[in-house]
Amino acid sequence: MDNDAARHELIDALALVQEQFADLAVVEQERATMSSSATSADGTVTVTVDCDGIVIHTAVSETYLDDHDLADLGRHITEAAQAAARDIEQKVAELLAPLAQRREQMPSLSDIVEGAPDIRDLLAARVPGPQSDDEPDDFPTVRSTR
C-alpha cells in the first residue's frame, strides 16, 4: 500500500474512532439514567435497580400480609431484585450493541501501520460503572515525561 492510500485509510479509521468516542459519551449519559423495576408476590413487592443492577428502591404494599407470610418477604424481595437486574442487564446490552457492532467493523490499525495496535482492542465497548475512591479502576495512569 502506498503512503497516500495508507494516510487516507488512517484518516478514515481515526474518523471512525472519533465517532465511536462521541457515541460512547451519549450512550453513557443514557445508560446512567436507566433503571428497571420488577414485582413479585402478586405485585405487592416492587424492587427498582439502577443501570448497574444496584437496588435503589424497594416497596412492599400494605396488602402484602393479606395473602403472603412475613417469613416469605425476603424471598419475594430477592426474586423481584433478580428480575429487575436481569432486565436492566438486557437493556444495557441492547443500548451498547450498536457500538459493539461498529467496533467489529473497524479495520485493524496494524493493517495500515505495521506494528500498530488493533483499534478494536482500544475501543472495547466497556462502560465503567461508578467506583468508590478506594477501588482501583481498570485504566492505566498515564503521565507525560515533559
Protein backbone atom coordinates (compact mmCIF):
# COMPACT_ATOMS: atom_id res chain seq x y z
CA MET A 1 0.00 0.00 0.00
CA ASP A 2 1.44 3.40 -0.93
CA ASN A 3 1.78 6.22 1.60
CA ASP A 4 -1.11 8.26 0.19
CA ALA A 5 -3.55 5.34 0.37
CA ALA A 6 -2.32 4.44 3.86
CA ARG A 7 -2.79 8.04 5.00
CA HIS A 8 -6.37 8.11 3.69
CA GLU A 9 -7.13 4.77 5.33
CA LEU A 10 -5.68 6.00 8.61
CA ILE A 11 -7.71 9.23 8.42
CA ASP A 12 -10.89 7.18 7.81
CA ALA A 13 -10.06 4.87 10.72
CA LEU A 14 -9.40 7.81 13.05
CA ALA A 15 -12.72 9.38 12.00
CA LEU A 16 -14.46 6.15 13.00
CA VAL A 17 -12.66 6.21 16.33
CA GLN A 18 -13.73 9.80 16.93
CA GLU A 19 -17.33 8.92 16.05
CA GLN A 20 -17.19 5.92 18.38
CA PHE A 21 -15.99 8.04 21.30
CA ALA A 22 -18.68 10.66 20.68
CA ASP A 23 -21.37 7.99 20.56
CA LEU A 24 -19.96 6.31 23.66
CA ALA A 25 -20.37 9.56 25.61
CA VAL A 26 -24.01 9.83 24.53
CA VAL A 27 -24.66 6.17 25.35
CA GLU A 28 -23.07 6.55 28.79
CA GLN A 29 -25.35 9.50 29.56
CA GLU A 30 -28.39 7.49 28.51
CA ARG A 31 -27.20 4.40 30.41
CA ALA A 32 -26.73 6.46 33.58
CA THR A 33 -30.42 7.41 33.57
CA MET A 34 -31.69 3.86 33.08
CA SER A 35 -33.44 1.81 35.74
CA SER A 36 -35.69 -1.21 35.87
CA SER A 37 -38.42 -2.33 38.24
CA ALA A 38 -39.85 -5.78 38.83
CA THR A 39 -42.56 -7.12 41.09
CA SER A 40 -43.24 -10.34 42.93
CA ALA A 41 -45.80 -11.66 45.40
CA ASP A 42 -48.68 -10.82 43.08
CA GLY A 43 -47.42 -7.28 42.60
CA THR A 44 -47.23 -6.42 46.30
CA VAL A 45 -43.40 -6.26 46.31
CA THR A 46 -41.58 -3.96 43.89
CA VAL A 47 -37.83 -3.53 43.56
CA THR A 48 -36.10 -0.97 41.34
CA VAL A 49 -32.46 -1.19 40.28
CA ASP A 50 -30.21 1.38 38.61
CA CYS A 51 -28.18 0.91 35.41
CA ASP A 52 -25.59 -1.16 37.31
CA GLY A 53 -28.19 -3.51 38.82
CA ILE A 54 -27.89 -1.92 42.27
CA VAL A 55 -31.14 -1.83 44.26
CA ILE A 56 -32.24 1.80 44.60
CA HIS A 57 -35.80 1.34 45.84
CA THR A 58 -37.87 -1.38 47.48
CA ALA A 59 -41.59 -1.09 48.17
CA VAL A 60 -43.89 -3.50 49.94
CA SER A 61 -47.61 -2.90 49.66
CA GLU A 62 -49.69 -2.62 52.80
CA THR A 63 -51.74 -5.51 51.44
CA TYR A 64 -48.75 -7.88 51.31
CA LEU A 65 -49.72 -9.62 54.56
CA ASP A 66 -53.29 -10.19 53.33
CA ASP A 67 -52.12 -13.04 51.06
CA HIS A 68 -48.47 -13.70 51.99
CA ASP A 69 -46.44 -14.63 55.04
CA LEU A 70 -43.90 -12.25 56.53
CA ALA A 71 -41.40 -15.13 56.54
CA ASP A 72 -41.50 -15.16 52.71
CA LEU A 73 -40.87 -11.42 52.29
CA GLY A 74 -37.10 -11.80 51.86
CA ARG A 75 -37.56 -14.35 49.10
CA HIS A 76 -40.06 -12.11 47.30
CA ILE A 77 -37.72 -9.11 47.50
CA THR A 78 -34.85 -11.24 46.18
CA GLU A 79 -36.95 -12.53 43.28
CA ALA A 80 -38.00 -9.03 42.27
CA ALA A 81 -34.44 -7.69 42.58
CA GLN A 82 -33.05 -10.51 40.45
CA ALA A 83 -35.71 -9.98 37.78
CA ALA A 84 -35.05 -6.24 37.69
CA ALA A 85 -31.28 -6.84 37.48
CA ARG A 86 -31.73 -9.26 34.54
CA ASP A 87 -33.96 -6.73 32.78
CA ILE A 88 -31.53 -3.83 33.20
CA GLU A 89 -28.64 -6.02 32.04
CA GLN A 90 -30.55 -6.77 28.83
CA LYS A 91 -31.48 -3.11 28.31
CA VAL A 92 -27.86 -2.01 28.74
CA ALA A 93 -26.67 -4.73 26.34
CA GLU A 94 -29.19 -3.53 23.73
CA LEU A 95 -28.02 0.04 24.24
CA LEU A 96 -24.37 -0.95 23.74
CA ALA A 97 -24.99 -3.31 20.79
CA PRO A 98 -24.58 -0.68 18.02
CA LEU A 99 -21.24 0.40 19.48
CA ALA A 100 -20.04 -3.21 19.62
CA GLN A 101 -21.13 -3.79 16.01
CA ARG A 102 -19.27 -0.70 14.81
CA ARG A 103 -16.21 -1.74 16.78
CA GLU A 104 -16.19 -5.11 15.00
CA GLN A 105 -16.34 -3.36 11.61
CA MET A 106 -13.31 -1.17 12.32
CA PRO A 107 -10.12 -2.05 10.48
CA SER A 108 -7.10 -3.38 12.25
CA LEU A 109 -4.68 -0.47 12.63
CA SER A 110 -1.83 -2.94 12.10
CA ASP A 111 -3.14 -3.47 8.54
CA ILE A 112 -2.46 0.21 7.89
CA VAL A 113 0.63 0.82 10.02
CA GLU A 114 2.89 -2.15 10.67
CA GLY A 115 3.19 -3.00 14.37
CA ALA A 116 0.35 -0.68 15.46
CA PRO A 117 -2.29 -1.93 17.94
CA ASP A 118 -5.72 -3.04 16.80
CA ILE A 119 -8.25 -0.18 17.01
CA ARG A 120 -10.93 -2.65 18.09
CA ASP A 121 -8.92 -3.53 21.18
CA LEU A 122 -8.53 0.16 22.03
CA LEU A 123 -12.28 0.74 21.73
CA ALA A 124 -13.67 -2.13 23.72
CA ALA A 125 -17.31 -1.20 24.34
CA ARG A 126 -16.86 -1.21 28.09
CA VAL A 127 -18.80 1.35 30.02
CA PRO A 128 -17.40 1.67 33.53
CA GLY A 129 -19.78 1.82 36.44
CA PRO A 130 -19.38 4.01 39.49
CA GLN A 131 -16.49 3.23 41.78
CA SER A 132 -15.63 4.30 45.25
CA ASP A 133 -12.40 6.16 45.92
CA ASP A 134 -10.75 3.10 47.43
CA GLU A 135 -11.45 0.82 44.44
CA PRO A 136 -8.78 0.74 41.74
CA ASP A 137 -10.05 1.31 38.23
CA ASP A 138 -9.03 -0.75 35.21
CA PHE A 139 -7.43 2.15 33.39
CA PRO A 140 -3.68 2.81 33.48
CA THR A 141 -2.35 6.07 34.82
CA VAL A 142 -0.68 7.96 32.00
CA ARG A 143 1.81 10.70 32.79
CA SER A 144 3.77 12.92 30.48
CA THR A 145 7.54 12.98 30.87
CA ARG A 146 7.72 16.59 29.74
